[in-house]
């Protein structure tokens, strides 16, 4: 490919990508009502959805493959631990090992799975792993209290509802 052909291909690709960043004149861009009137994004109905908003308004909700309120609430709630990975397409937020309490011989790791676009308890699953020090520099798995994951799910659901109320007023 010649240098001018490569430059033309790069310019065409840039125009395609940047063309998707704005709406035609007269088209109102605003946060869709993700529950009653979802607007399809550039990836089609129910496709990739990200929060942030093209409207420039702080907190506007765009489309995610999973519930945006649960996704943001999981990130907020799990922020007490170091973030290892966040996959908005798969709906998984995974933390790295960290300490929550004052005990230096104990650490936890959590993963929250947002499984659908609904704002419901069925759309969320939390898995918690716990380890304790073996006393010689290593760690061994330890049991987690039976209701710990449920309590963390409840905290994420509560935060998701707070975010929704802040943004929609309902």
Protein backbone atom coordinates (compact mmCIF):
# COMPACT_ATOMS: atom_id res chain seq x y z
CA UNK A 1 0.00 0.00 0.00
CA UNK A 2 1.40 3.36 -0.99
CA UNK A 3 1.88 6.17 1.49
CA UNK A 4 -1.00 8.22 0.02
CA UNK A 5 -3.34 5.22 0.01
CA UNK A 6 -2.47 4.50 3.63
CA UNK A 7 -3.14 8.15 4.54
CA UNK A 8 -6.50 8.06 2.71
CA UNK A 9 -7.49 4.83 4.49
CA UNK A 10 -6.51 6.32 7.86
CA UNK A 11 -8.51 9.48 7.15
CA UNK A 12 -11.56 7.44 6.09
CA UNK A 13 -11.35 5.31 9.24
CA UNK A 14 -11.00 8.42 11.41
CA UNK A 15 -14.03 10.00 9.73
CA UNK A 16 -16.06 6.84 10.34
CA UNK A 17 -15.10 6.68 14.00
CA UNK A 18 -15.55 10.38 14.65
CA UNK A 19 -18.80 10.47 12.67
CA UNK A 20 -20.39 8.28 15.32
CA UNK A 21 -19.55 10.82 18.04
CA UNK A 22 -22.20 13.38 17.17
CA UNK A 23 -25.85 13.42 16.21
CA UNK A 24 -27.31 15.04 13.12
CA UNK A 25 -28.64 18.57 13.57
CA UNK A 26 -32.07 18.67 15.15
CA UNK A 27 -31.67 15.34 16.89
CA UNK A 28 -31.89 15.63 20.65
CA UNK A 29 -29.29 13.68 22.55
CA UNK A 30 -30.16 12.97 26.13
CA UNK A 31 -30.24 10.19 28.63
CA UNK A 32 -32.67 7.47 27.60
CA UNK A 33 -35.06 6.04 30.13
CA UNK A 34 -33.34 2.63 30.37
CA UNK A 35 -36.43 0.96 31.80
CA UNK A 36 -39.40 2.31 29.83
CA UNK A 37 -37.94 3.71 26.62
CA UNK A 38 -34.43 2.48 25.83
CA UNK A 39 -32.79 4.08 22.79
CA UNK A 40 -30.56 1.88 20.67
CA UNK A 41 -26.90 2.85 20.60
CA UNK A 42 -24.49 2.52 17.70
CA UNK A 43 -24.33 -1.21 18.42
CA UNK A 44 -28.09 -1.67 17.95
CA UNK A 45 -30.92 -2.47 20.30
CA UNK A 46 -29.63 -3.64 23.67
CA UNK A 47 -26.00 -3.55 22.55
CA UNK A 48 -22.98 -1.96 24.20
CA UNK A 49 -24.10 0.56 26.76
CA UNK A 50 -21.88 2.91 28.67
CA UNK A 51 -22.73 5.54 31.25
CA UNK A 52 -21.57 9.10 31.05
CA UNK A 53 -23.83 10.44 28.38
CA UNK A 54 -23.45 12.26 25.11
CA UNK A 55 -25.58 15.07 26.47
CA UNK A 56 -22.67 16.34 28.51
CA UNK A 57 -24.77 16.12 31.67
CA UNK A 58 -22.98 14.53 34.57
CA UNK A 59 -24.45 11.14 35.32
CA UNK A 60 -26.49 10.73 32.14
CA UNK A 61 -27.22 7.08 31.48
CA UNK A 62 -26.27 5.52 28.17
CA UNK A 63 -26.78 1.93 27.19
CA UNK A 64 -24.75 -0.94 28.76
CA UNK A 65 -25.23 -4.63 28.05
CA UNK A 66 -25.99 -4.86 31.76
CA UNK A 67 -27.87 -2.59 34.14
CA UNK A 68 -25.90 0.67 34.34
CA UNK A 69 -27.11 1.43 37.87
CA UNK A 70 -26.02 -1.97 39.19
CA UNK A 71 -22.72 -1.67 37.32
CA UNK A 72 -21.90 1.72 38.81
CA UNK A 73 -23.11 0.64 42.26
CA UNK A 74 -20.86 -2.44 42.14
CA UNK A 75 -17.88 -0.25 41.26
CA UNK A 76 -18.76 2.19 44.05
CA UNK A 77 -19.40 -0.45 46.69
CA UNK A 78 -16.36 -2.56 45.90
CA UNK A 79 -14.08 0.50 45.78
CA UNK A 80 -13.01 -0.28 49.36
CA UNK A 81 -10.81 -2.98 47.81
CA UNK A 82 -8.25 -2.49 45.01
CA UNK A 83 -9.82 -3.02 41.58
CA UNK A 84 -8.34 -5.91 39.59
CA UNK A 85 -10.62 -5.80 36.54
CA UNK A 86 -13.90 -4.39 35.32
CA UNK A 87 -15.63 -5.87 32.27
CA UNK A 88 -18.74 -3.89 31.30
CA UNK A 89 -19.54 -6.24 28.42
CA UNK A 90 -19.44 -9.34 30.61
CA UNK A 91 -20.77 -7.49 33.64
CA UNK A 92 -17.99 -8.55 36.02
CA UNK A 93 -16.22 -6.36 38.57
CA UNK A 94 -13.33 -8.15 40.27
CA UNK A 95 -11.22 -6.80 43.09
CA UNK A 96 -7.73 -7.76 44.06
CA UNK A 97 -6.90 -9.08 47.51
CA UNK A 98 -7.23 -6.45 50.20
CA UNK A 99 -7.89 -5.93 53.89
CA UNK A 100 -11.21 -4.62 55.12
CA UNK A 101 -10.76 -4.82 58.86
CA UNK A 102 -7.82 -4.18 61.16
CA UNK A 103 -6.61 -7.81 61.09
CA UNK A 104 -3.36 -7.96 59.04
CA UNK A 105 -3.59 -11.77 58.91
CA UNK A 106 -6.79 -11.79 56.86
CA UNK A 107 -7.59 -10.63 53.33
CA UNK A 108 -10.59 -10.79 51.00
CA UNK A 109 -11.32 -10.65 47.30
CA UNK A 110 -14.75 -10.04 45.75
CA UNK A 111 -16.36 -10.40 42.34
CA UNK A 112 -19.72 -8.89 41.45
CA UNK A 113 -21.55 -10.23 38.40
CA UNK A 114 -24.23 -8.00 36.88
CA UNK A 115 -26.16 -10.55 34.84
CA UNK A 116 -28.88 -8.57 33.05
CA UNK A 117 -30.23 -5.15 32.18
CA UNK A 118 -32.83 -5.31 34.96
CA UNK A 119 -32.49 -3.42 38.21
CA UNK A 120 -33.33 -6.39 40.42
CA UNK A 121 -31.76 -8.73 42.94
CA UNK A 122 -31.83 -11.53 40.35
CA UNK A 123 -29.54 -9.48 38.10
CA UNK A 124 -26.70 -9.49 40.64
CA UNK A 125 -24.44 -12.14 42.13
CA UNK A 126 -21.49 -11.57 44.47
CA UNK A 127 -18.75 -14.08 45.20
CA UNK A 128 -16.36 -13.46 48.10
CA UNK A 129 -13.09 -15.26 48.78
CA UNK A 130 -11.26 -15.02 52.08
CA UNK A 131 -7.74 -16.05 53.06
CA UNK A 132 -5.84 -16.07 56.31
CA UNK A 133 -2.10 -15.95 56.84
CA UNK A 134 -0.42 -19.28 57.47
CA UNK A 135 2.18 -17.55 59.66
CA UNK A 136 5.14 -18.22 57.35
CA UNK A 137 4.44 -15.72 54.57
CA UNK A 138 1.76 -17.65 52.70
CA UNK A 139 -2.03 -17.57 52.58
CA UNK A 140 -4.61 -20.31 52.85
CA UNK A 141 -8.28 -20.23 51.93
CA UNK A 142 -10.73 -19.72 54.76
CA UNK A 143 -14.51 -19.93 54.99
CA UNK A 144 -16.68 -16.85 54.50
CA UNK A 145 -19.72 -16.25 56.71
CA UNK A 146 -22.85 -17.51 54.97
CA UNK A 147 -24.63 -14.13 54.80
CA UNK A 148 -21.62 -12.00 53.77
CA UNK A 149 -22.21 -12.21 50.01
CA UNK A 150 -25.93 -11.50 50.47
CA UNK A 151 -25.19 -8.45 52.63
CA UNK A 152 -22.79 -7.13 49.98
CA UNK A 153 -25.42 -7.73 47.28
CA UNK A 154 -27.91 -5.77 49.40
CA UNK A 155 -25.43 -2.89 49.71
CA UNK A 156 -24.90 -2.84 45.93
CA UNK A 157 -28.67 -2.92 45.28
CA UNK A 158 -29.22 -0.07 47.73
CA UNK A 159 -26.50 2.00 46.07
CA UNK A 160 -27.96 1.26 42.61
CA UNK A 161 -31.37 2.51 43.75
CA UNK A 162 -29.76 5.65 45.20
CA UNK A 163 -28.00 6.35 41.89
CA UNK A 164 -31.23 5.81 39.96
CA UNK A 165 -33.16 8.19 42.24
CA UNK A 166 -30.41 10.82 41.95
CA UNK A 167 -30.48 10.65 38.15
CA UNK A 168 -34.15 10.13 37.38
CA UNK A 169 -35.92 11.49 40.44
CA UNK A 170 -37.87 8.23 40.80
